[in-house]
């Protein structure tokens, strides 16, 4: 019997579209200081009928995961209609939300009409001062905690996601403790990225070396996530990751990207059907070649830690080259090796 890893290896090696992330809107009820969305994005937003047709086409292509994201996806006027249709079509639905709007009535409706497989909810600190500083909305932390209790009581599955920054890096242990209180996973992203339009100002909030070291200590000591991250990729694949080989991301005006981080457009669903883009895009074929090159380049580094820390999309944003190893990869790799070798102090 084939394992899940075998199936994922097949999607990567045979370019089988497995997961689609839809940025339904860049509207948001928060104003996070490091948000990468291009708020002044120009273009014609996808209509309700276009989304429904896209859903049917993605289903016919065999897509398994449908991720509804934003901005804040619940801010889209047709969110519940689209979510209900996705459920009807049999997608495994995942939602990326800041959790601020998931009060009792909305959460109950979400469970009844969409029933997502999971909700990924943003956590920006272990206390109101830090969380609200990053969201720039007073009261957002207290509102979030109240809503998490509601989600738990309703039996909705969720996990907490956090971007490690200079503002919250001293609260890592407390944030893990908060996640344990709700008995849910907490996943950290240690890389603050530039905005999608290339603006590098969010990088000013990048965590310090001390903060990265503390996070890696927690991951190594309590969850061994660093080792898991380094081996999550199916072995003996041609590509570094699923970007453009098994995944796509689509922004609110129909631009299609290989993933949410790799912001190099490969087509637009206003102009072409998704099947045509997936099979015939010259830009996508070039990205797949880069993905293979990135894997070769990373394997030549000889460090599993570096392999797990690298993202071609982030490399493209930072340097313009999806295969270039950017500084935080080297730093994270060094810190991880120090921890494994017990030289970290």
C-alpha atoms as a PDB file:
ATOM      1  CA  UNK A   1       0.000   0.000   0.000  1.00  0.00           C
ATOM      2  CA  UNK A   2       1.339   3.438  -0.939  1.00  0.00           C
ATOM      3  CA  UNK A   3       2.117   5.824   1.907  1.00  0.00           C
ATOM      4  CA  UNK A   4       1.182   9.494   1.976  1.00  0.00           C
ATOM      5  CA  UNK A   5       4.852  10.329   1.354  1.00  0.00           C
ATOM      6  CA  UNK A   6       4.757   8.127  -1.747  1.00  0.00           C
ATOM      7  CA  UNK A   7       1.710  10.011  -3.010  1.00  0.00           C
ATOM      8  CA  UNK A   8       3.361  13.361  -2.374  1.00  0.00           C
ATOM      9  CA  UNK A   9       6.513  12.195  -4.153  1.00  0.00           C
ATOM     10  CA  UNK A  10       4.378  11.293  -7.136  1.00  0.00           C
ATOM     11  CA  UNK A  11       2.673  14.710  -7.244  1.00  0.00           C
ATOM     12  CA  UNK A  12       6.044  16.469  -7.182  1.00  0.00           C
ATOM     13  CA  UNK A  13       7.735  14.243  -9.749  1.00  0.00           C
ATOM     14  CA  UNK A  14       4.795  14.056 -12.149  1.00  0.00           C
ATOM     15  CA  UNK A  15       3.549  17.662 -11.719  1.00  0.00           C
ATOM     16  CA  UNK A  16       0.154  16.625 -10.379  1.00  0.00           C
ATOM     17  CA  UNK A  17      -1.733  19.579  -8.935  1.00  0.00           C
ATOM     18  CA  UNK A  18      -2.573  18.610  -5.342  1.00  0.00           C
ATOM     19  CA  UNK A  19      -3.188  21.847  -3.440  1.00  0.00           C
ATOM     20  CA  UNK A  20      -4.545  25.283  -4.366  1.00  0.00           C
ATOM     21  CA  UNK A  21      -4.370  28.337  -2.102  1.00  0.00           C
ATOM     22  CA  UNK A  22      -6.835  31.108  -2.910  1.00  0.00           C
ATOM     23  CA  UNK A  23      -6.188  34.590  -1.575  1.00  0.00           C
ATOM     24  CA  UNK A  24      -9.835  35.618  -1.685  1.00  0.00           C
ATOM     25  CA  UNK A  25      -9.254  39.221  -0.616  1.00  0.00           C
ATOM     26  CA  UNK A  26      -6.550  41.467   0.784  1.00  0.00           C
ATOM     27  CA  UNK A  27      -9.114  43.207   2.990  1.00  0.00           C
ATOM     28  CA  UNK A  28      -8.419  42.576   6.665  1.00  0.00           C
ATOM     29  CA  UNK A  29      -9.759  43.622  10.050  1.00  0.00           C
ATOM     30  CA  UNK A  30      -6.194  43.830  11.381  1.00  0.00           C
ATOM     31  CA  UNK A  31      -3.205  45.838  10.162  1.00  0.00           C
ATOM     32  CA  UNK A  32      -0.210  43.630  10.941  1.00  0.00           C
ATOM     33  CA  UNK A  33       3.089  45.476  10.832  1.00  0.00           C
ATOM     34  CA  UNK A  34       4.876  42.842   8.741  1.00  0.00           C
ATOM     35  CA  UNK A  35       2.021  41.860   6.389  1.00  0.00           C
ATOM     36  CA  UNK A  36       3.343  40.922   2.957  1.00  0.00           C
ATOM     37  CA  UNK A  37       0.108  41.469   0.984  1.00  0.00           C
ATOM     38  CA  UNK A  38       0.136  44.120  -1.712  1.00  0.00           C
ATOM     39  CA  UNK A  39      -2.830  46.167  -0.430  1.00  0.00           C
ATOM     40  CA  UNK A  40      -2.943  48.432  -3.494  1.00  0.00           C
ATOM     41  CA  UNK A  41      -3.064  45.507  -5.925  1.00  0.00           C
ATOM     42  CA  UNK A  42      -4.560  46.577  -9.251  1.00  0.00           C
ATOM     43  CA  UNK A  43      -6.861  44.465 -11.409  1.00  0.00           C
ATOM     44  CA  UNK A  44     -10.354  43.010 -11.738  1.00  0.00           C
ATOM     45  CA  UNK A  45     -11.263  40.815  -8.792  1.00  0.00           C
ATOM     46  CA  UNK A  46     -12.616  37.358  -9.496  1.00  0.00           C
ATOM     47  CA  UNK A  47     -16.409  37.169  -9.436  1.00  0.00           C
ATOM     48  CA  UNK A  48     -18.538  34.656  -7.561  1.00  0.00           C
ATOM     49  CA  UNK A  49     -19.269  32.766 -10.776  1.00  0.00           C
ATOM     50  CA  UNK A  50     -15.571  32.675 -11.700  1.00  0.00           C
ATOM     51  CA  UNK A  51     -14.682  31.191  -8.321  1.00  0.00           C
ATOM     52  CA  UNK A  52     -17.381  28.551  -8.626  1.00  0.00           C
ATOM     53  CA  UNK A  53     -16.177  27.619 -12.104  1.00  0.00           C
ATOM     54  CA  UNK A  54     -12.585  27.542 -10.853  1.00  0.00           C
ATOM     55  CA  UNK A  55     -13.621  25.195  -8.031  1.00  0.00           C
ATOM     56  CA  UNK A  56     -15.202  22.804 -10.507  1.00  0.00           C
ATOM     57  CA  UNK A  57     -12.143  22.891 -12.733  1.00  0.00           C
ATOM     58  CA  UNK A  58      -9.757  22.301  -9.817  1.00  0.00           C
ATOM     59  CA  UNK A  59     -11.866  19.369  -8.682  1.00  0.00           C
ATOM     60  CA  UNK A  60     -11.801  17.894 -12.197  1.00  0.00           C
ATOM     61  CA  UNK A  61      -8.005  18.222 -12.124  1.00  0.00           C
ATOM     62  CA  UNK A  62      -7.910  16.113  -8.979  1.00  0.00           C
ATOM     63  CA  UNK A  63      -6.984  18.861  -6.515  1.00  0.00           C
ATOM     64  CA  UNK A  64      -7.249  17.560  -2.940  1.00  0.00           C
ATOM     65  CA  UNK A  65      -6.512  20.579  -0.696  1.00  0.00           C
ATOM     66  CA  UNK A  66      -8.301  23.891  -1.094  1.00  0.00           C
ATOM     67  CA  UNK A  67      -6.898  26.610   1.167  1.00  0.00           C
ATOM     68  CA  UNK A  68      -8.943  29.777   1.654  1.00  0.00           C
ATOM     69  CA  UNK A  69      -6.710  32.656   2.661  1.00  0.00           C
ATOM     70  CA  UNK A  70      -6.364  36.410   2.413  1.00  0.00           C
ATOM     71  CA  UNK A  71      -5.902  39.065   3.831  1.00  0.00           C
ATOM     72  CA  UNK A  72      -8.681  37.787   6.027  1.00  0.00           C
ATOM     73  CA  UNK A  73     -10.759  35.313   3.967  1.00  0.00           C
ATOM     74  CA  UNK A  74     -13.878  35.838   6.080  1.00  0.00           C
ATOM     75  CA  UNK A  75     -13.859  39.471   4.913  1.00  0.00           C
ATOM     76  CA  UNK A  76     -14.814  38.314   1.402  1.00  0.00           C
ATOM     77  CA  UNK A  77     -18.518  38.946   0.820  1.00  0.00           C
ATOM     78  CA  UNK A  78     -19.054  35.456  -0.623  1.00  0.00           C
ATOM     79  CA  UNK A  79     -16.892  33.534   1.836  1.00  0.00           C
ATOM     80  CA  UNK A  80     -19.632  31.288   3.193  1.00  0.00           C
ATOM     81  CA  UNK A  81     -21.159  30.632  -0.219  1.00  0.00           C
ATOM     82  CA  UNK A  82     -17.762  29.693  -1.628  1.00  0.00           C
ATOM     83  CA  UNK A  83     -16.852  27.619   1.411  1.00  0.00           C
ATOM     84  CA  UNK A  84     -20.121  25.707   1.237  1.00  0.00           C
ATOM     85  CA  UNK A  85     -19.600  24.988  -2.466  1.00  0.00           C
ATOM     86  CA  UNK A  86     -16.052  23.780  -1.797  1.00  0.00           C
ATOM     87  CA  UNK A  87     -17.398  21.444   0.873  1.00  0.00           C
ATOM     88  CA  UNK A  88     -20.072  20.172  -1.510  1.00  0.00           C
ATOM     89  CA  UNK A  89     -17.418  19.391  -4.117  1.00  0.00           C
ATOM     90  CA  UNK A  90     -15.457  17.306  -1.607  1.00  0.00           C
ATOM     91  CA  UNK A  91     -12.276  19.353  -1.125  1.00  0.00           C
ATOM     92  CA  UNK A  92     -10.274  19.077   2.060  1.00  0.00           C
ATOM     93  CA  UNK A  93     -10.791  22.684   3.150  1.00  0.00           C
ATOM     94  CA  UNK A  94      -8.222  24.596   5.152  1.00  0.00           C
ATOM     95  CA  UNK A  95      -8.672  28.197   6.239  1.00  0.00           C
ATOM     96  CA  UNK A  96      -5.987  30.729   7.149  1.00  0.00           C
ATOM     97  CA  UNK A  97      -7.499  33.361   9.434  1.00  0.00           C
ATOM     98  CA  UNK A  98      -6.431  35.875  12.055  1.00  0.00           C
ATOM     99  CA  UNK A  99      -9.310  34.599  14.196  1.00  0.00           C
ATOM    100  CA  UNK A 100     -10.541  38.086  15.053  1.00  0.00           C
ATOM    101  CA  UNK A 101     -13.950  37.639  13.397  1.00  0.00           C
ATOM    102  CA  UNK A 102     -14.580  34.099  14.638  1.00  0.00           C
ATOM    103  CA  UNK A 103     -17.022  35.055  17.393  1.00  0.00           C
ATOM    104  CA  UNK A 104     -19.768  32.638  18.450  1.00  0.00           C
ATOM    105  CA  UNK A 105     -22.276  33.225  15.628  1.00  0.00           C
ATOM    106  CA  UNK A 106     -19.644  33.224  12.855  1.00  0.00           C
ATOM    107  CA  UNK A 107     -17.830  30.191  14.252  1.00  0.00           C
ATOM    108  CA  UNK A 108     -21.086  28.243  14.513  1.00  0.00           C
ATOM    109  CA  UNK A 109     -21.952  29.138  10.937  1.00  0.00           C
ATOM    110  CA  UNK A 110     -18.458  28.128   9.805  1.00  0.00           C
ATOM    111  CA  UNK A 111     -18.857  24.692  11.353  1.00  0.00           C
ATOM    112  CA  UNK A 112     -22.340  24.136   9.940  1.00  0.00           C
ATOM    113  CA  UNK A 113     -21.823  25.480   6.419  1.00  0.00           C
ATOM    114  CA  UNK A 114     -18.144  24.856   5.664  1.00  0.00           C
ATOM    115  CA  UNK A 115     -16.851  22.431   8.320  1.00  0.00           C
ATOM    116  CA  UNK A 116     -13.171  22.982   7.434  1.00  0.00           C
ATOM    117  CA  UNK A 117     -10.623  20.252   8.018  1.00  0.00           C
ATOM    118  CA  UNK A 118      -8.522  22.801   9.887  1.00  0.00           C
ATOM    119  CA  UNK A 119      -8.192  26.516  10.612  1.00  0.00           C
ATOM    120  CA  UNK A 120      -4.746  28.078  10.871  1.00  0.00           C
ATOM    121  CA  UNK A 121      -4.993  31.047  13.209  1.00  0.00           C
ATOM    122  CA  UNK A 122      -2.374  33.747  13.660  1.00  0.00           C
ATOM    123  CA  UNK A 123      -0.871  34.360  17.091  1.00  0.00           C
ATOM    124  CA  UNK A 124       1.518  37.285  17.419  1.00  0.00           C
ATOM    125  CA  UNK A 125       2.484  37.141  21.079  1.00  0.00           C
ATOM    126  CA  UNK A 126       1.694  35.652  24.463  1.00  0.00           C
ATOM    127  CA  UNK A 127       0.170  38.838  25.859  1.00  0.00           C
ATOM    128  CA  UNK A 128      -1.969  41.710  24.681  1.00  0.00           C
ATOM    129  CA  UNK A 129       0.872  44.238  24.609  1.00  0.00           C
ATOM    130  CA  UNK A 130       2.927  42.228  22.107  1.00  0.00           C
ATOM    131  CA  UNK A 131       0.088  40.764  20.026  1.00  0.00           C
ATOM    132  CA  UNK A 132      -1.720  44.103  19.691  1.00  0.00           C
ATOM    133  CA  UNK A 133       1.526  45.909  18.900  1.00  0.00           C
ATOM    134  CA  UNK A 134       1.978  43.675  15.856  1.00  0.00           C
ATOM    135  CA  UNK A 135      -1.667  43.712  14.737  1.00  0.00           C
ATOM    136  CA  UNK A 136      -1.950  47.460  15.425  1.00  0.00           C
ATOM    137  CA  UNK A 137      -5.511  46.844  16.682  1.00  0.00           C
ATOM    138  CA  UNK A 138      -6.064  47.368  20.424  1.00  0.00           C
ATOM    139  CA  UNK A 139      -8.024  44.530  22.020  1.00  0.00           C
ATOM    140  CA  UNK A 140      -7.199  42.023  19.276  1.00  0.00           C
ATOM    141  CA  UNK A 141      -5.434  39.616  21.664  1.00  0.00           C
ATOM    142  CA  UNK A 142      -8.310  39.472  24.147  1.00  0.00           C
ATOM    143  CA  UNK A 143     -10.749  38.994  21.288  1.00  0.00           C
ATOM    144  CA  UNK A 144      -8.625  36.195  19.846  1.00  0.00           C
ATOM    145  CA  UNK A 145      -8.374  34.274  23.123  1.00  0.00           C
ATOM    146  CA  UNK A 146     -12.120  34.531  23.644  1.00  0.00           C
ATOM    147  CA  UNK A 147     -12.711  33.211  20.118  1.00  0.00           C
ATOM    148  CA  UNK A 148     -10.288  30.311  20.584  1.00  0.00           C
ATOM    149  CA  UNK A 149     -12.355  29.084  23.521  1.00  0.00           C
ATOM    150  CA  UNK A 150     -15.434  29.273  21.283  1.00  0.00           C
ATOM    151  CA  UNK A 151     -13.755  27.260  18.517  1.00  0.00           C
ATOM    152  CA  UNK A 152     -12.646  24.659  21.037  1.00  0.00           C
ATOM    153  CA  UNK A 153     -16.141  24.333  22.489  1.00  0.00           C
ATOM    154  CA  UNK A 154     -17.615  23.894  19.011  1.00  0.00           C
ATOM    155  CA  UNK A 155     -15.146  21.143  18.157  1.00  0.00           C
ATOM    156  CA  UNK A 156     -13.562  23.034  15.264  1.00  0.00           C
ATOM    157  CA  UNK A 157     -10.020  21.877  14.526  1.00  0.00           C
ATOM    158  CA  UNK A 158      -7.410  24.612  14.562  1.00  0.00           C
ATOM    159  CA  UNK A 159      -3.725  25.294  15.007  1.00  0.00           C
ATOM    160  CA  UNK A 160      -1.817  28.438  15.867  1.00  0.00           C
ATOM    161  CA  UNK A 161       0.713  29.997  13.504  1.00  0.00           C
ATOM    162  CA  UNK A 162       3.208  32.674  14.444  1.00  0.00           C
ATOM    163  CA  UNK A 163       5.868  34.677  12.659  1.00  0.00           C
ATOM    164  CA  UNK A 164       8.902  35.073  14.908  1.00  0.00           C
ATOM    165  CA  UNK A 165       9.849  38.754  15.207  1.00  0.00           C
ATOM    166  CA  UNK A 166      12.021  40.956  17.386  1.00  0.00           C
ATOM    167  CA  UNK A 167       8.860  41.958  19.250  1.00  0.00           C
ATOM    168  CA  UNK A 168       7.708  38.461  20.266  1.00  0.00           C
ATOM    169  CA  UNK A 169      10.966  36.476  20.406  1.00  0.00           C
ATOM    170  CA  UNK A 170      11.113  36.813  24.193  1.00  0.00           C
ATOM    171  CA  UNK A 171       7.712  35.114  24.520  1.00  0.00           C
ATOM    172  CA  UNK A 172       8.405  31.846  22.690  1.00  0.00           C
ATOM    173  CA  UNK A 173       7.996  29.623  25.748  1.00  0.00           C
ATOM    174  CA  UNK A 174       4.872  31.483  26.837  1.00  0.00           C
ATOM    175  CA  UNK A 175       3.351  31.144  23.346  1.00  0.00           C
ATOM    176  CA  UNK A 176       3.988  27.391  23.372  1.00  0.00           C
ATOM    177  CA  UNK A 177       2.359  27.263  26.807  1.00  0.00           C
ATOM    178  CA  UNK A 178      -0.662  29.106  25.448  1.00  0.00           C
ATOM    179  CA  UNK A 179      -0.983  26.591  22.616  1.00  0.00           C
ATOM    180  CA  UNK A 180      -0.759  23.758  25.134  1.00  0.00           C
ATOM    181  CA  UNK A 181      -3.604  25.356  27.076  1.00  0.00           C
ATOM    182  CA  UNK A 182      -5.834  24.785  24.047  1.00  0.00           C
ATOM    183  CA  UNK A 183      -4.157  21.452  23.211  1.00  0.00           C
ATOM    184  CA  UNK A 184      -3.323  22.602  19.684  1.00  0.00           C
ATOM    185  CA  UNK A 185      -0.085  22.798  17.684  1.00  0.00           C
ATOM    186  CA  UNK A 186       1.878  26.030  17.386  1.00  0.00           C
ATOM    187  CA  UNK A 187       3.946  26.443  14.252  1.00  0.00           C
ATOM    188  CA  UNK A 188       6.535  29.211  14.013  1.00  0.00           C
ATOM    189  CA  UNK A 189       7.773  30.796  10.808  1.00  0.00           C
ATOM    190  CA  UNK A 190      11.223  32.165  11.593  1.00  0.00           C
ATOM    191  CA  UNK A 191      11.513  34.147   8.348  1.00  0.00           C
ATOM    192  CA  UNK A 192       9.985  37.611   8.051  1.00  0.00           C
ATOM    193  CA  UNK A 193       9.645  38.235   4.320  1.00  0.00           C
ATOM    194  CA  UNK A 194       9.501  41.319   2.106  1.00  0.00           C
ATOM    195  CA  UNK A 195       6.120  42.472   0.845  1.00  0.00           C
ATOM    196  CA  UNK A 196       4.883  40.916  -2.379  1.00  0.00           C
ATOM    197  CA  UNK A 197       5.691  44.170  -4.197  1.00  0.00           C
ATOM    198  CA  UNK A 198       9.336  43.928  -3.134  1.00  0.00           C
ATOM    199  CA  UNK A 199       9.158  46.418  -0.247  1.00  0.00           C
ATOM    200  CA  UNK A 200      11.730  45.167   2.263  1.00  0.00           C
ATOM    201  CA  UNK A 201      10.564  47.241   5.245  1.00  0.00           C
ATOM    202  CA  UNK A 202       9.060  44.202   7.083  1.00  0.00           C
ATOM    203  CA  UNK A 203      12.593  42.797   7.383  1.00  0.00           C
ATOM    204  CA  UNK A 204      13.265  45.405  10.077  1.00  0.00           C
ATOM    205  CA  UNK A 205      11.223  43.136  12.386  1.00  0.00           C
ATOM    206  CA  UNK A 206      13.323  40.043  11.652  1.00  0.00           C
ATOM    207  CA  UNK A 207      14.226  38.113  14.811  1.00  0.00           C
ATOM    208  CA  UNK A 208      17.661  38.418  16.345  1.00  0.00           C
ATOM    209  CA  UNK A 209      20.191  35.596  16.417  1.00  0.00           C
ATOM    210  CA  UNK A 210      19.330  35.139  20.089  1.00  0.00           C
ATOM    211  CA  UNK A 211      15.639  34.784  19.235  1.00  0.00           C
ATOM    212  CA  UNK A 212      16.310  32.242  16.491  1.00  0.00           C
ATOM    213  CA  UNK A 213      18.521  30.234  18.825  1.00  0.00           C
ATOM    214  CA  UNK A 214      15.813  30.194  21.481  1.00  0.00           C
ATOM    215  CA  UNK A 215      13.205  28.999  18.989  1.00  0.00           C
ATOM    216  CA  UNK A 216      15.470  26.219  17.709  1.00  0.00           C
ATOM    217  CA  UNK A 217      16.159  25.126  21.278  1.00  0.00           C
ATOM    218  CA  UNK A 218      12.426  24.741  21.892  1.00  0.00           C
ATOM    219  CA  UNK A 219      11.881  22.922  18.629  1.00  0.00           C
ATOM    220  CA  UNK A 220      14.754  20.571  19.331  1.00  0.00           C
ATOM    221  CA  UNK A 221      14.034  19.938  23.007  1.00  0.00           C
ATOM    222  CA  UNK A 222      10.261  19.592  22.963  1.00  0.00           C
ATOM    223  CA  UNK A 223       9.055  18.694  19.487  1.00  0.00           C
ATOM    224  CA  UNK A 224      12.210  17.898  17.483  1.00  0.00           C
ATOM    225  CA  UNK A 225      10.575  19.881  14.709  1.00  0.00           C
ATOM    226  CA  UNK A 226      13.862  20.836  13.169  1.00  0.00           C
ATOM    227  CA  UNK A 227      14.637  17.232  12.373  1.00  0.00           C
ATOM    228  CA  UNK A 228      11.086  16.690  11.092  1.00  0.00           C
ATOM    229  CA  UNK A 229      11.280  19.759   8.897  1.00  0.00           C
ATOM    230  CA  UNK A 230      14.524  18.499   7.395  1.00  0.00           C
ATOM    231  CA  UNK A 231      12.984  15.164   6.437  1.00  0.00           C
ATOM    232  CA  UNK A 232       9.422  16.181   5.579  1.00  0.00           C
ATOM    233  CA  UNK A 233      10.247  16.307   1.885  1.00  0.00           C
ATOM    234  CA  UNK A 234       9.676  12.968   0.160  1.00  0.00           C
ATOM    235  CA  UNK A 235      13.072  11.397  -0.632  1.00  0.00           C
ATOM    236  CA  UNK A 236      14.441  10.993  -4.132  1.00  0.00           C
ATOM    237  CA  UNK A 237      12.341  13.718  -5.698  1.00  0.00           C
ATOM    238  CA  UNK A 238      13.546  15.890  -8.514  1.00  0.00           C
ATOM    239  CA  UNK A 239      12.199  19.151  -7.079  1.00  0.00           C
ATOM    240  CA  UNK A 240      13.080  21.018  -3.907  1.00  0.00           C
ATOM    241  CA  UNK A 241       9.447  21.620  -2.906  1.00  0.00           C
ATOM    242  CA  UNK A 242       5.906  21.494  -4.233  1.00  0.00           C
ATOM    243  CA  UNK A 243       5.895  25.052  -5.587  1.00  0.00           C
ATOM    244  CA  UNK A 244       4.681  24.823  -9.163  1.00  0.00           C
ATOM    245  CA  UNK A 245       4.960  21.036  -9.095  1.00  0.00           C
ATOM    246  CA  UNK A 246       1.974  20.195  -6.890  1.00  0.00           C
ATOM    247  CA  UNK A 247       0.776  23.570  -5.602  1.00  0.00           C
ATOM    248  CA  UNK A 248      -0.455  26.937  -6.819  1.00  0.00           C
ATOM    249  CA  UNK A 249      -1.625  30.185  -5.249  1.00  0.00           C
ATOM    250  CA  UNK A 250      -4.118  32.584  -6.835  1.00  0.00           C
ATOM    251  CA  UNK A 251      -4.453  36.219  -5.774  1.00  0.00           C
ATOM    252  CA  UNK A 252      -7.728  38.216  -5.677  1.00  0.00           C
ATOM    253  CA  UNK A 253      -7.371  39.450  -9.267  1.00  0.00           C
ATOM    254  CA  UNK A 254      -6.665  36.015 -10.741  1.00  0.00           C
ATOM    255  CA  UNK A 255      -2.873  35.982 -10.973  1.00  0.00           C
ATOM    256  CA  UNK A 256      -1.529  32.460 -10.554  1.00  0.00           C
ATOM    257  CA  UNK A 257       1.742  31.803  -8.711  1.00  0.00           C
ATOM    258  CA  UNK A 258       3.656  28.576  -8.009  1.00  0.00           C
ATOM    259  CA  UNK A 259       3.039  29.145  -4.276  1.00  0.00           C
ATOM    260  CA  UNK A 260       2.135  31.908  -1.863  1.00  0.00           C
ATOM    261  CA  UNK A 261       5.815  32.872  -1.410  1.00  0.00           C
ATOM    262  CA  UNK A 262       7.068  32.514  -4.993  1.00  0.00           C
ATOM    263  CA  UNK A 263       5.453  35.619  -6.485  1.00  0.00           C
ATOM    264  CA  UNK A 264       6.293  35.072 -10.124  1.00  0.00           C
ATOM    265  CA  UNK A 265       3.074  35.020 -12.125  1.00  0.00           C
ATOM    266  CA  UNK A 266       2.590  32.010 -14.386  1.00  0.00           C
ATOM    267  CA  UNK A 267      -0.760  33.113 -15.816  1.00  0.00           C
ATOM    268  CA  UNK A 268      -4.123  34.623 -14.953  1.00  0.00           C
ATOM    269  CA  UNK A 269      -7.438  32.802 -14.738  1.00  0.00           C
ATOM    270  CA  UNK A 270      -9.199  35.781 -16.322  1.00  0.00           C
ATOM    271  CA  UNK A 271      -7.352  34.911 -19.518  1.00  0.00           C
ATOM    272  CA  UNK A 272      -6.861  31.141 -19.379  1.00  0.00           C
ATOM    273  CA  UNK A 273      -8.332  28.099 -17.735  1.00  0.00           C
ATOM    274  CA  UNK A 274      -6.309  26.644 -14.915  1.00  0.00           C
ATOM    275  CA  UNK A 275      -5.755  23.413 -16.832  1.00  0.00           C
ATOM    276  CA  UNK A 276      -4.119  25.359 -19.671  1.00  0.00           C
ATOM    277  CA  UNK A 277      -1.884  27.303 -17.288  1.00  0.00           C
ATOM    278  CA  UNK A 278      -0.828  24.146 -15.451  1.00  0.00           C
ATOM    279  CA  UNK A 279       0.018  22.229 -18.615  1.00  0.00           C
ATOM    280  CA  UNK A 280       1.228  24.910 -21.020  1.00  0.00           C
ATOM    281  CA  UNK A 281       2.724  27.857 -19.121  1.00  0.00           C
ATOM    282  CA  UNK A 282       6.261  28.599 -20.283  1.00  0.00           C
ATOM    283  CA  UNK A 283       6.861  30.545 -17.071  1.00  0.00           C
ATOM    284  CA  UNK A 284       5.741  27.570 -14.989  1.00  0.00           C
ATOM    285  CA  UNK A 285       8.057  25.204 -16.839  1.00  0.00           C
ATOM    286  CA  UNK A 286      10.930  27.579 -16.125  1.00  0.00           C
ATOM    287  CA  UNK A 287       9.996  27.636 -12.428  1.00  0.00           C
ATOM    288  CA  UNK A 288       9.927  23.833 -12.318  1.00  0.00           C
ATOM    289  CA  UNK A 289      13.448  23.796 -13.735  1.00  0.00           C
ATOM    290  CA  UNK A 290      14.509  26.294 -11.051  1.00  0.00           C
ATOM    291  CA  UNK A 291      12.893  24.107  -8.400  1.00  0.00           C
ATOM    292  CA  UNK A 292      15.019  21.166  -9.509  1.00  0.00           C
ATOM    293  CA  UNK A 293      18.113  23.377  -9.560  1.00  0.00           C
ATOM    294  CA  UNK A 294      17.306  24.626  -6.044  1.00  0.00           C
ATOM    295  CA  UNK A 295      17.152  21.077  -4.718  1.00  0.00           C
ATOM    296  CA  UNK A 296      20.497  20.200  -6.274  1.00  0.00           C
ATOM    297  CA  UNK A 297      22.020  23.368  -4.885  1.00  0.00           C
ATOM    298  CA  UNK A 298      20.733  22.703  -1.370  1.00  0.00           C
ATOM    299  CA  UNK A 299      21.808  19.062  -1.349  1.00  0.00           C
ATOM    300  CA  UNK A 300      25.294  20.218  -2.255  1.00  0.00           C
ATOM    301  CA  UNK A 301      25.354  22.231   0.979  1.00  0.00           C
ATOM    302  CA  UNK A 302      25.586  18.980   2.899  1.00  0.00           C
ATOM    303  CA  UNK A 303      23.368  20.217   5.738  1.00  0.00           C
ATOM    304  CA  UNK A 304      19.922  18.866   6.500  1.00  0.00           C
ATOM    305  CA  UNK A 305      19.287  21.982   8.547  1.00  0.00           C
ATOM    306  CA  UNK A 306      19.989  24.206   5.556  1.00  0.00           C
ATOM    307  CA  UNK A 307      17.743  22.031   3.425  1.00  0.00           C
ATOM    308  CA  UNK A 308      14.842  22.524   5.804  1.00  0.00           C
ATOM    309  CA  UNK A 309      15.385  26.261   6.297  1.00  0.00           C
ATOM    310  CA  UNK A 310      15.503  27.298   2.634  1.00  0.00           C
ATOM    311  CA  UNK A 311      12.535  28.574   0.589  1.00  0.00           C
ATOM    312  CA  UNK A 312      12.971  29.241  -3.151  1.00  0.00           C
ATOM    313  CA  UNK A 313      10.136  31.778  -3.050  1.00  0.00           C
ATOM    314  CA  UNK A 314      11.809  33.783  -0.301  1.00  0.00           C
ATOM    315  CA  UNK A 315      15.132  33.528  -2.169  1.00  0.00           C
ATOM    316  CA  UNK A 316      13.421  34.956  -5.252  1.00  0.00           C
ATOM    317  CA  UNK A 317      11.956  37.851  -3.247  1.00  0.00           C
ATOM    318  CA  UNK A 318      15.201  38.681  -1.478  1.00  0.00           C
ATOM    319  CA  UNK A 319      17.775  38.204  -4.223  1.00  0.00           C
ATOM    320  CA  UNK A 320      15.881  37.734  -7.479  1.00  0.00           C
ATOM    321  CA  UNK A 321      17.269  34.189  -7.763  1.00  0.00           C
ATOM    322  CA  UNK A 322      15.181  31.271  -6.506  1.00  0.00           C
ATOM    323  CA  UNK A 323      18.306  29.142  -6.054  1.00  0.00           C
ATOM    324  CA  UNK A 324      20.398  31.670  -4.087  1.00  0.00           C
ATOM    325  CA  UNK A 325      20.996  30.820  -0.435  1.00  0.00           C
ATOM    326  CA  UNK A 326      20.074  33.870   1.629  1.00  0.00           C
ATOM    327  CA  UNK A 327      21.764  34.789   4.945  1.00  0.00           C
ATOM    328  CA  UNK A 328      19.111  33.516   7.381  1.00  0.00           C
ATOM    329  CA  UNK A 329      19.448  30.007   5.922  1.00  0.00           C
ATOM    330  CA  UNK A 330      23.152  29.931   6.757  1.00  0.00           C
ATOM    331  CA  UNK A 331      22.454  31.349  10.223  1.00  0.00           C
ATOM    332  CA  UNK A 332      19.658  28.914  11.028  1.00  0.00           C
ATOM    333  CA  UNK A 333      21.749  26.006   9.751  1.00  0.00           C
ATOM    334  CA  UNK A 334      24.709  27.045  11.923  1.00  0.00           C
ATOM    335  CA  UNK A 335      22.553  27.463  15.038  1.00  0.00           C
ATOM    336  CA  UNK A 336      20.896  24.103  14.477  1.00  0.00           C
ATOM    337  CA  UNK A 337      24.213  22.332  14.035  1.00  0.00           C
ATOM    338  CA  UNK A 338      25.494  24.005  17.222  1.00  0.00           C
ATOM    339  CA  UNK A 339      22.484  22.698  19.150  1.00  0.00           C
ATOM    340  CA  UNK A 340      22.868  19.175  17.761  1.00  0.00           C
ATOM    341  CA  UNK A 341      26.570  19.201  18.598  1.00  0.00           C
ATOM    342  CA  UNK A 342      25.899  20.582  22.102  1.00  0.00           C
ATOM    343  CA  UNK A 343      28.066  23.610  21.440  1.00  0.00           C
ATOM    344  CA  UNK A 344      25.221  26.088  21.744  1.00  0.00           C
ATOM    345  CA  UNK A 345      25.419  28.135  24.935  1.00  0.00           C
END
